[in-house]
Amino acid sequence: NDELWKKVKNGEVNGFSIEGVFSKNIVKMSEEKT
């Protein structure tokens, strides 16, 4: 794709990012100031 390759070449895109539907499991709820 010429348009996408142009974005790669000029640094407009720098990486991959996923999309999806996932189930959740809460594994930690610790008392912190984080």
Full PDB file with SEQRES, HELIX, SHEET, SSBOND, CRYST1, ORIGX, SCALE, CONECT and MASTER records, all heavy atoms in Angstrom:
SEQRES   1 A   34  ASN ASP GLU LEU TRP LYS LYS VAL LYS ASN GLY GLU VAL          
SEQRES   2 A   34  ASN GLY PHE SER ILE GLU GLY VAL PHE SER LYS ASN ILE          
SEQRES   3 A   34  VAL LYS MET SER GLU GLU LYS THR                              
HELIX    1 AA1 ASP A    2  LYS A    9  1                                   8    
CRYST1    1.000    1.000    1.000  90.00  90.00  90.00 P 1           1          
ORIGX1      1.000000  0.000000  0.000000        0.00000                         
ORIGX2      0.000000  1.000000  0.000000        0.00000                         
ORIGX3      0.000000  0.000000  1.000000        0.00000                         
SCALE1      1.000000  0.000000  0.000000        0.00000                         
SCALE2      0.000000  1.000000  0.000000        0.00000                         
SCALE3      0.000000  0.000000  1.000000        0.00000                         
ATOM      1  N   ASN A   1       0.839  -1.188   0.000  1.00  0.00           N  
ATOM      2  CA  ASN A   1       0.000   0.000   0.000  1.00  0.00           C  
ATOM      3  C   ASN A   1       0.882   1.249   0.000  1.00  0.00           C  
ATOM      4  O   ASN A   1       1.626   1.490   0.955  1.00  0.00           O  
ATOM      5  CB  ASN A   1      -0.920  -0.025   1.225  1.00  0.00           C  
ATOM      6  CG  ASN A   1      -1.882   1.133   1.266  1.00  0.00           C  
ATOM      7  OD1 ASN A   1      -1.481   2.275   1.375  1.00  0.00           O  
ATOM      8  ND2 ASN A   1      -3.166   0.825   1.214  1.00  0.00           N  
ATOM      9  N   ASP A   2       0.841   2.032  -1.071  1.00  0.00           N  
ATOM     10  CA  ASP A   2       1.733   3.189  -1.217  1.00  0.00           C  
ATOM     11  C   ASP A   2       1.530   4.222  -0.114  1.00  0.00           C  
ATOM     12  O   ASP A   2       2.498   4.797   0.404  1.00  0.00           O  
ATOM     13  CB  ASP A   2       1.519   3.858  -2.580  1.00  0.00           C  
ATOM     14  CG  ASP A   2       2.015   2.993  -3.729  1.00  0.00           C  
ATOM     15  OD1 ASP A   2       2.873   2.112  -3.488  1.00  0.00           O  
ATOM     16  OD2 ASP A   2       1.545   3.200  -4.862  1.00  0.00           O  
ATOM     17  N   GLU A   3       0.276   4.482   0.239  1.00  0.00           N  
ATOM     18  CA  GLU A   3      -0.019   5.485   1.264  1.00  0.00           C  
ATOM     19  C   GLU A   3       0.533   5.056   2.624  1.00  0.00           C  
ATOM     20  O   GLU A   3       1.139   5.853   3.350  1.00  0.00           O  
ATOM     21  CB  GLU A   3      -1.528   5.703   1.362  1.00  0.00           C  
ATOM     22  CG  GLU A   3      -1.927   6.762   2.379  1.00  0.00           C  
ATOM     23  CD  GLU A   3      -3.424   6.958   2.458  1.00  0.00           C  
ATOM     24  OE1 GLU A   3      -4.157   6.395   1.614  1.00  0.00           O  
ATOM     25  OE2 GLU A   3      -3.878   7.668   3.377  1.00  0.00           O  
ATOM     26  N   LEU A   4       0.350   3.772   2.959  1.00  0.00           N  
ATOM     27  CA  LEU A   4       0.846   3.270   4.235  1.00  0.00           C  
ATOM     28  C   LEU A   4       2.368   3.248   4.250  1.00  0.00           C  
ATOM     29  O   LEU A   4       2.997   3.604   5.258  1.00  0.00           O  
ATOM     30  CB  LEU A   4       0.290   1.868   4.502  1.00  0.00           C  
ATOM     31  CG  LEU A   4       0.666   1.226   5.836  1.00  0.00           C  
ATOM     32  CD1 LEU A   4       0.247   2.102   7.010  1.00  0.00           C  
ATOM     33  CD2 LEU A   4       0.056  -0.163   5.961  1.00  0.00           C  
ATOM     34  N   TRP A   5       2.990   2.853   3.128  1.00  0.00           N  
ATOM     35  CA  TRP A   5       4.449   2.823   3.086  1.00  0.00           C  
ATOM     36  C   TRP A   5       5.035   4.222   3.245  1.00  0.00           C  
ATOM     37  O   TRP A   5       6.067   4.411   3.882  1.00  0.00           O  
ATOM     38  CB  TRP A   5       4.940   2.189   1.784  1.00  0.00           C  
ATOM     39  CG  TRP A   5       6.423   2.090   1.720  1.00  0.00           C  
ATOM     40  CD1 TRP A   5       7.266   2.763   0.892  1.00  0.00           C  
ATOM     41  CD2 TRP A   5       7.267   1.290   2.554  1.00  0.00           C  
ATOM     42  NE1 TRP A   5       8.576   2.433   1.144  1.00  0.00           N  
ATOM     43  CE2 TRP A   5       8.615   1.521   2.161  1.00  0.00           C  
ATOM     44  CE3 TRP A   5       7.017   0.391   3.588  1.00  0.00           C  
ATOM     45  CZ2 TRP A   5       9.688   0.893   2.766  1.00  0.00           C  
ATOM     46  CZ3 TRP A   5       8.094  -0.241   4.201  1.00  0.00           C  
ATOM     47  CH2 TRP A   5       9.409   0.019   3.788  1.00  0.00           C  
ATOM     48  N   LYS A   6       4.358   5.201   2.701  1.00  0.00           N  
ATOM     49  CA  LYS A   6       4.792   6.589   2.860  1.00  0.00           C  
ATOM     50  C   LYS A   6       4.781   6.991   4.327  1.00  0.00           C  
ATOM     51  O   LYS A   6       5.683   7.666   4.817  1.00  0.00           O  
ATOM     52  CB  LYS A   6       3.895   7.523   2.048  1.00  0.00           C  
ATOM     53  CG  LYS A   6       4.326   8.976   2.072  1.00  0.00           C  
ATOM     54  CD  LYS A   6       3.425   9.841   1.206  1.00  0.00           C  
ATOM     55  CE  LYS A   6       3.849  11.301   1.245  1.00  0.00           C  
ATOM     56  NZ  LYS A   6       2.969  12.151   0.411  1.00  0.00           N  
ATOM     57  N   LYS A   7       3.757   6.544   5.067  1.00  0.00           N  
ATOM     58  CA  LYS A   7       3.667   6.845   6.501  1.00  0.00           C  
ATOM     59  C   LYS A   7       4.794   6.150   7.271  1.00  0.00           C  
ATOM     60  O   LYS A   7       5.325   6.690   8.246  1.00  0.00           O  
ATOM     61  CB  LYS A   7       2.304   6.407   7.048  1.00  0.00           C  
ATOM     62  CG  LYS A   7       1.118   7.202   6.506  1.00  0.00           C  
ATOM     63  CD  LYS A   7      -0.188   6.696   7.107  1.00  0.00           C  
ATOM     64  CE  LYS A   7      -1.398   7.350   6.456  1.00  0.00           C  
ATOM     65  NZ  LYS A   7      -1.446   8.796   6.661  1.00  0.00           N  
ATOM     66  N   VAL A   8       5.155   4.943   6.825  1.00  0.00           N  
ATOM     67  CA  VAL A   8       6.277   4.235   7.445  1.00  0.00           C  
ATOM     68  C   VAL A   8       7.576   5.004   7.199  1.00  0.00           C  
ATOM     69  O   VAL A   8       8.373   5.239   8.117  1.00  0.00           O  
ATOM     70  CB  VAL A   8       6.405   2.797   6.890  1.00  0.00           C  
ATOM     71  CG1 VAL A   8       7.693   2.141   7.384  1.00  0.00           C  
ATOM     72  CG2 VAL A   8       5.201   1.955   7.309  1.00  0.00           C  
ATOM     73  N   LYS A   9       7.790   5.413   5.947  1.00  0.00           N  
ATOM     74  CA  LYS A   9       9.042   6.072   5.567  1.00  0.00           C  
ATOM     75  C   LYS A   9       9.226   7.415   6.266  1.00  0.00           C  
ATOM     76  O   LYS A   9      10.344   7.778   6.638  1.00  0.00           O  
ATOM     77  CB  LYS A   9       9.071   6.271   4.049  1.00  0.00           C  
ATOM     78  CG  LYS A   9       9.218   4.986   3.259  1.00  0.00           C  
ATOM     79  CD  LYS A   9      10.622   4.437   3.321  1.00  0.00           C  
ATOM     80  CE  LYS A   9      11.571   5.292   2.514  1.00  0.00           C  
ATOM     81  NZ  LYS A   9      12.961   4.767   2.566  1.00  0.00           N  
ATOM     82  N   ASN A  10       8.126   8.176   6.428  1.00  0.00           N  
ATOM     83  CA  ASN A  10       8.271   9.503   7.034  1.00  0.00           C  
ATOM     84  C   ASN A  10       8.129   9.480   8.556  1.00  0.00           C  
ATOM     85  O   ASN A  10       8.124  10.526   9.203  1.00  0.00           O  
ATOM     86  CB  ASN A  10       7.294  10.511   6.406  1.00  0.00           C  
ATOM     87  CG  ASN A  10       5.833  10.190   6.691  1.00  0.00           C  
ATOM     88  OD1 ASN A  10       5.513   9.486   7.643  1.00  0.00           O  
ATOM     89  ND2 ASN A  10       4.938  10.723   5.873  1.00  0.00           N  
ATOM     90  N   GLY A  11       8.011   8.265   9.128  1.00  0.00           N  
ATOM     91  CA  GLY A  11       7.964   8.139  10.580  1.00  0.00           C  
ATOM     92  C   GLY A  11       6.612   8.416  11.199  1.00  0.00           C  
ATOM     93  O   GLY A  11       6.495   8.530  12.423  1.00  0.00           O  
ATOM     94  N   GLU A  12       5.584   8.491  10.366  1.00  0.00           N  
ATOM     95  CA  GLU A  12       4.239   8.750  10.892  1.00  0.00           C  
ATOM     96  C   GLU A  12       3.696   7.536  11.632  1.00  0.00           C  
ATOM     97  O   GLU A  12       2.871   7.672  12.530  1.00  0.00           O  
ATOM     98  CB  GLU A  12       3.310   9.137   9.744  1.00  0.00           C  
ATOM     99  CG  GLU A  12       1.978   9.708  10.188  1.00  0.00           C  
ATOM    100  CD  GLU A  12       1.142  10.218   9.040  1.00  0.00           C  
ATOM    101  OE1 GLU A  12       1.709  10.465   7.957  1.00  0.00           O  
ATOM    102  OE2 GLU A  12      -0.081  10.372   9.229  1.00  0.00           O  
ATOM    103  N   VAL A  13       4.119   6.348  11.232  1.00  0.00           N  
ATOM    104  CA  VAL A  13       3.784   5.138  11.981  1.00  0.00           C  
ATOM    105  C   VAL A  13       5.072   4.481  12.442  1.00  0.00           C  
ATOM    106  O   VAL A  13       6.060   4.442  11.718  1.00  0.00           O  
ATOM    107  CB  VAL A  13       2.924   4.142  11.161  1.00  0.00           C  
ATOM    108  CG1 VAL A  13       1.569   4.724  10.861  1.00  0.00           C  
ATOM    109  CG2 VAL A  13       3.621   3.734   9.874  1.00  0.00           C  
ATOM    110  N   ASN A  14       5.066   3.971  13.673  1.00  0.00           N  
ATOM    111  CA  ASN A  14       6.292   3.439  14.281  1.00  0.00           C  
ATOM    112  C   ASN A  14       6.139   2.046  14.880  1.00  0.00           C  
ATOM    113  O   ASN A  14       7.106   1.482  15.382  1.00  0.00           O  
ATOM    114  CB  ASN A  14       6.767   4.375  15.396  1.00  0.00           C  
ATOM    115  CG  ASN A  14       7.209   5.719  14.857  1.00  0.00           C  
ATOM    116  OD1 ASN A  14       8.181   5.801  14.127  1.00  0.00           O  
ATOM    117  ND2 ASN A  14       6.491   6.764  15.218  1.00  0.00           N  
ATOM    118  N   GLY A  15       4.942   1.503  14.858  1.00  0.00           N  
ATOM    119  CA  GLY A  15       4.792   0.200  15.492  1.00  0.00           C  
ATOM    120  C   GLY A  15       3.441  -0.426  15.259  1.00  0.00           C  
ATOM    121  O   GLY A  15       2.584   0.122  14.554  1.00  0.00           O  
ATOM    122  N   PHE A  16       3.263  -1.594  15.879  1.00  0.00           N  
ATOM    123  CA  PHE A  16       2.022  -2.350  15.763  1.00  0.00           C  
ATOM    124  C   PHE A  16       1.211  -2.240  17.051  1.00  0.00           C  
ATOM    125  O   PHE A  16       1.769  -2.109  18.139  1.00  0.00           O  
ATOM    126  CB  PHE A  16       2.315  -3.830  15.499  1.00  0.00           C  
ATOM    127  CG  PHE A  16       3.100  -4.087  14.246  1.00  0.00           C  
ATOM    128  CD1 PHE A  16       4.290  -4.794  14.290  1.00  0.00           C  
ATOM    129  CD2 PHE A  16       2.653  -3.619  13.022  1.00  0.00           C  
ATOM    130  CE1 PHE A  16       5.022  -5.042  13.137  1.00  0.00           C  
ATOM    131  CE2 PHE A  16       3.374  -3.854  11.859  1.00  0.00           C  
ATOM    132  CZ  PHE A  16       4.566  -4.570  11.919  1.00  0.00           C  
ATOM    133  N   SER A  17      -0.091  -2.314  16.908  1.00  0.00           N  
ATOM    134  CA  SER A  17      -0.991  -2.257  18.053  1.00  0.00           C  
ATOM    135  C   SER A  17      -2.158  -3.200  17.779  1.00  0.00           C  
ATOM    136  O   SER A  17      -2.743  -3.167  16.695  1.00  0.00           O  
ATOM    137  CB  SER A  17      -1.501  -0.822  18.245  1.00  0.00           C  
ATOM    138  OG  SER A  17      -2.487  -0.760  19.248  1.00  0.00           O  
ATOM    139  N   ILE A  18      -2.480  -4.039  18.741  1.00  0.00           N  
ATOM    140  CA  ILE A  18      -3.511  -5.053  18.509  1.00  0.00           C  
ATOM    141  C   ILE A  18      -4.908  -4.544  18.850  1.00  0.00           C  
ATOM    142  O   ILE A  18      -5.080  -3.633  19.652  1.00  0.00           O  
ATOM    143  CB  ILE A  18      -3.225  -6.345  19.306  1.00  0.00           C  
ATOM    144  CG1 ILE A  18      -3.320  -6.076  20.814  1.00  0.00           C  
ATOM    145  CG2 ILE A  18      -1.878  -6.923  18.921  1.00  0.00           C  
ATOM    146  CD1 ILE A  18      -3.308  -7.345  21.654  1.00  0.00           C  
ATOM    147  N   GLU A  19      -5.907  -5.153  18.217  1.00  0.00           N  
ATOM    148  CA  GLU A  19      -7.306  -4.946  18.556  1.00  0.00           C  
ATOM    149  C   GLU A  19      -7.930  -6.317  18.768  1.00  0.00           C  
ATOM    150  O   GLU A  19      -7.649  -7.253  18.024  1.00  0.00           O  
ATOM    151  CB  GLU A  19      -8.067  -4.260  17.423  1.00  0.00           C  
ATOM    152  CG  GLU A  19      -7.669  -2.839  17.145  1.00  0.00           C  
ATOM    153  CD  GLU A  19      -8.523  -2.233  16.038  1.00  0.00           C  
ATOM    154  OE1 GLU A  19      -9.642  -2.741  15.799  1.00  0.00           O  
ATOM    155  OE2 GLU A  19      -8.077  -1.262  15.413  1.00  0.00           O  
ATOM    156  N   GLY A  20      -8.798  -6.425  19.757  1.00  0.00           N  
ATOM    157  CA  GLY A  20      -9.467  -7.696  19.959  1.00  0.00           C  
ATOM    158  C   GLY A  20     -10.441  -7.657  21.109  1.00  0.00           C  
ATOM    159  O   GLY A  20     -10.568  -6.653  21.814  1.00  0.00           O  
ATOM    160  N   VAL A  21     -11.140  -8.756  21.280  1.00  0.00           N  
ATOM    161  CA  VAL A  21     -12.074  -8.924  22.390  1.00  0.00           C  
ATOM    162  C   VAL A  21     -11.478  -9.970  23.324  1.00  0.00           C  
ATOM    163  O   VAL A  21     -11.216 -11.106  22.918  1.00  0.00           O  
ATOM    164  CB  VAL A  21     -13.466  -9.380  21.897  1.00  0.00           C  
ATOM    165  CG1 VAL A  21     -14.407  -9.590  23.073  1.00  0.00           C  
ATOM    166  CG2 VAL A  21     -14.050  -8.337  20.939  1.00  0.00           C  
ATOM    167  N   PHE A  22     -11.260  -9.589  24.573  1.00  0.00           N  
ATOM    168  CA  PHE A  22     -10.628 -10.473  25.541  1.00  0.00           C  
ATOM    169  C   PHE A  22     -11.474 -10.553  26.807  1.00  0.00           C  
ATOM    170  O   PHE A  22     -12.141  -9.592  27.184  1.00  0.00           O  
ATOM    171  CB  PHE A  22      -9.228  -9.970  25.913  1.00  0.00           C  
ATOM    172  CG  PHE A  22      -8.289  -9.845  24.754  1.00  0.00           C  
ATOM    173  CD1 PHE A  22      -8.177  -8.643  24.064  1.00  0.00           C  
ATOM    174  CD2 PHE A  22      -7.530 -10.920  24.339  1.00  0.00           C  
ATOM    175  CE1 PHE A  22      -7.321  -8.523  22.988  1.00  0.00           C  
ATOM    176  CE2 PHE A  22      -6.666 -10.804  23.268  1.00  0.00           C  
ATOM    177  CZ  PHE A  22      -6.561  -9.610  22.586  1.00  0.00           C  
ATOM    178  N   SER A  23     -11.404 -11.694  27.463  1.00  0.00           N  
ATOM    179  CA  SER A  23     -12.028 -11.843  28.767  1.00  0.00           C  
ATOM    180  C   SER A  23     -11.072 -11.321  29.838  1.00  0.00           C  
ATOM    181  O   SER A  23      -9.866 -11.201  29.600  1.00  0.00           O  
ATOM    182  CB  SER A  23     -12.373 -13.311  29.034  1.00  0.00           C  
ATOM    183  OG  SER A  23     -13.383 -13.752  28.142  1.00  0.00           O  
ATOM    184  N   LYS A  24     -11.623 -11.006  31.005  1.00  0.00           N  
ATOM    185  CA  LYS A  24     -10.827 -10.388  32.067  1.00  0.00           C  
ATOM    186  C   LYS A  24     -10.786 -11.251  33.317  1.00  0.00           C  
ATOM    187  O   LYS A  24     -11.746 -11.934  33.655  1.00  0.00           O  
ATOM    188  CB  LYS A  24     -11.431  -9.039  32.476  1.00  0.00           C  
ATOM    189  CG  LYS A  24     -11.227  -7.913  31.514  1.00  0.00           C  
ATOM    190  CD  LYS A  24     -11.841  -6.650  32.108  1.00  0.00           C  
ATOM    191  CE  LYS A  24     -11.629  -5.444  31.228  1.00  0.00           C  
ATOM    192  NZ  LYS A  24     -12.203  -4.216  31.830  1.00  0.00           N  
ATOM    193  N   ASN A  25      -9.661 -11.165  34.010  1.00  0.00           N  
ATOM    194  CA  ASN A  25      -9.521 -11.816  35.308  1.00  0.00           C  
ATOM    195  C   ASN A  25      -8.697 -10.888  36.208  1.00  0.00           C  
ATOM    196  O   ASN A  25      -7.522 -10.657  35.938  1.00  0.00           O  
ATOM    197  CB  ASN A  25      -8.813 -13.168  35.165  1.00  0.00           C  
ATOM    198  CG  ASN A  25      -8.620 -13.856  36.496  1.00  0.00           C  
ATOM    199  OD1 ASN A  25      -9.440 -13.720  37.409  1.00  0.00           O  
ATOM    200  ND2 ASN A  25      -7.530 -14.598  36.625  1.00  0.00           N  
ATOM    201  N   ILE A  26      -9.331 -10.329  37.233  1.00  0.00           N  
ATOM    202  CA  ILE A  26      -8.604  -9.444  38.141  1.00  0.00           C  
ATOM    203  C   ILE A  26      -7.695 -10.292  39.021  1.00  0.00           C  
ATOM    204  O   ILE A  26      -8.146 -11.174  39.740  1.00  0.00           O  
ATOM    205  CB  ILE A  26      -9.572  -8.624  39.020  1.00  0.00           C  
ATOM    206  CG1 ILE A  26     -10.424  -7.701  38.134  1.00  0.00           C  
ATOM    207  CG2 ILE A  26      -8.808  -7.790  40.038  1.00  0.00           C  
ATOM    208  CD1 ILE A  26     -11.450  -6.895  38.889  1.00  0.00           C  
ATOM    209  N   VAL A  27      -6.391 -10.023  38.947  1.00  0.00           N  
ATOM    210  CA  VAL A  27      -5.434 -10.852  39.675  1.00  0.00           C  
ATOM    211  C   VAL A  27      -4.772 -10.122  40.829  1.00  0.00           C  
ATOM    212  O   VAL A  27      -4.112 -10.740  41.657  1.00  0.00           O  
ATOM    213  CB  VAL A  27      -4.344 -11.399  38.729  1.00  0.00           C  
ATOM    214  CG1 VAL A  27      -4.957 -12.310  37.684  1.00  0.00           C  
ATOM    215  CG2 VAL A  27      -3.578 -10.274  38.063  1.00  0.00           C  
ATOM    216  N   LYS A  28      -4.917  -8.796  40.895  1.00  0.00           N  
ATOM    217  CA  LYS A  28      -4.251  -8.075  41.972  1.00  0.00           C  
ATOM    218  C   LYS A  28      -4.958  -6.758  42.234  1.00  0.00           C  
ATOM    219  O   LYS A  28      -5.260  -6.006  41.320  1.00  0.00           O  
ATOM    220  CB  LYS A  28      -2.782  -7.803  41.603  1.00  0.00           C  
ATOM    221  CG  LYS A  28      -1.978  -7.066  42.669  1.00  0.00           C  
ATOM    222  CD  LYS A  28      -0.535  -6.874  42.206  1.00  0.00           C  
ATOM    223  CE  LYS A  28       0.307  -6.153  43.228  1.00  0.00           C  
ATOM    224  NZ  LYS A  28       1.685  -5.910  42.763  1.00  0.00           N  
ATOM    225  N   MET A  29      -5.214  -6.481  43.504  1.00  0.00           N  
ATOM    226  CA  MET A  29      -5.715  -5.176  43.924  1.00  0.00           C  
ATOM    227  C   MET A  29      -5.001  -4.831  45.225  1.00  0.00           C  
ATOM    228  O   MET A  29      -5.512  -5.044  46.316  1.00  0.00           O  
ATOM    229  CB  MET A  29      -7.229  -5.185  44.126  1.00  0.00           C  
ATOM    230  CG  MET A  29      -8.024  -5.385  42.850  1.00  0.00           C  
ATOM    231  SD  MET A  29      -9.807  -5.269  43.096  1.00  0.00           S  
ATOM    232  CE  MET A  29      -9.975  -3.511  43.432  1.00  0.00           C  
ATOM    233  N   SER A  30      -3.765  -4.347  45.110  1.00  0.00           N  
ATOM    234  CA  SER A  30      -2.945  -4.117  46.288  1.00  0.00           C  
ATOM    235  C   SER A  30      -3.023  -2.664  46.746  1.00  0.00           C  
ATOM    236  O   SER A  30      -3.239  -1.755  45.942  1.00  0.00           O  
ATOM    237  CB  SER A  30      -1.483  -4.486  46.000  1.00  0.00           C  
ATOM    238  OG  SER A  30      -0.998  -3.747  44.915  1.00  0.00           O  
ATOM    239  N   GLU A  31      -2.843  -2.440  48.035  1.00  0.00           N  
ATOM    240  CA  GLU A  31      -2.897  -1.101  48.608  1.00  0.00           C  
ATOM    241  C   GLU A  31      -1.580  -0.378  48.335  1.00  0.00           C  
ATOM    242  O   GLU A  31      -0.570  -0.642  48.944  1.00  0.00           O  
ATOM    243  CB  GLU A  31      -3.143  -1.193  50.124  1.00  0.00           C  
ATOM    244  CG  GLU A  31      -4.477  -1.815  50.501  1.00  0.00           C  
ATOM    245  CD  GLU A  31      -5.644  -0.905  50.149  1.00  0.00           C  
ATOM    246  OE1 GLU A  31      -5.431   0.318  50.038  1.00  0.00           O  
ATOM    247  OE2 GLU A  31      -6.761  -1.411  49.988  1.00  0.00           O  
ATOM    248  N   GLU A  32      -1.590   0.535  47.374  1.00  0.00           N  
ATOM    249  CA  GLU A  32      -0.386   1.261  47.031  1.00  0.00           C  
ATOM    250  C   GLU A  32      -0.739   2.693  46.658  1.00  0.00           C  
ATOM    251  O   GLU A  32      -1.896   3.026  46.415  1.00  0.00           O  
ATOM    252  CB  GLU A  32       0.325   0.605  45.829  1.00  0.00           C  
ATOM    253  CG  GLU A  32       0.790  -0.817  46.115  1.00  0.00           C  
ATOM    254  CD  GLU A  32       1.403  -1.457  44.886  1.00  0.00           C  
ATOM    255  OE1 GLU A  32       1.451  -0.792  43.839  1.00  0.00           O  
ATOM    256  OE2 GLU A  32       1.826  -2.613  44.985  1.00  0.00           O  
ATOM    257  N   LYS A  33       0.282   3.529  46.569  1.00  0.00           N  
ATOM    258  CA  LYS A  33       0.078   4.901  46.113  1.00  0.00           C  
ATOM    259  C   LYS A  33       0.418   5.043  44.629  1.00  0.00           C  
ATOM    260  O   LYS A  33       0.504   6.134  44.097  1.00  0.00           O  
ATOM    261  CB  LYS A  33       0.936   5.869  46.926  1.00  0.00           C  
ATOM    262  CG  LYS A  33       0.442   6.061  48.359  1.00  0.00           C  
ATOM    263  CD  LYS A  33       1.226   7.159  49.049  1.00  0.00           C  
ATOM    264  CE  LYS A  33       0.665   7.419  50.451  1.00  0.00           C  
ATOM    265  NZ  LYS A  33       1.405   8.478  51.165  1.00  0.00           N  
ATOM    266  N   THR A  34       0.595   3.891  43.979  1.00  0.00           N  
ATOM    267  CA  THR A  34       1.022   3.890  42.590  1.00  0.00           C  
ATOM    268  C   THR A  34       0.052   4.654  41.693  1.00  0.00           C  
ATOM    269  O   THR A  34       0.453   5.481  40.880  1.00  0.00           O  
ATOM    270  CB  THR A  34       1.150   2.441  42.079  1.00  0.00           C  
ATOM    271  OG1 THR A  34       2.069   1.745  42.903  1.00  0.00           O  
ATOM    272  CG2 THR A  34       1.633   2.421  40.642  1.00  0.00           C  
TER     273      THR A  34                                                      
MASTER        0    0    0    1    0    0    0    6  272    1    0    3          
END                                                                             
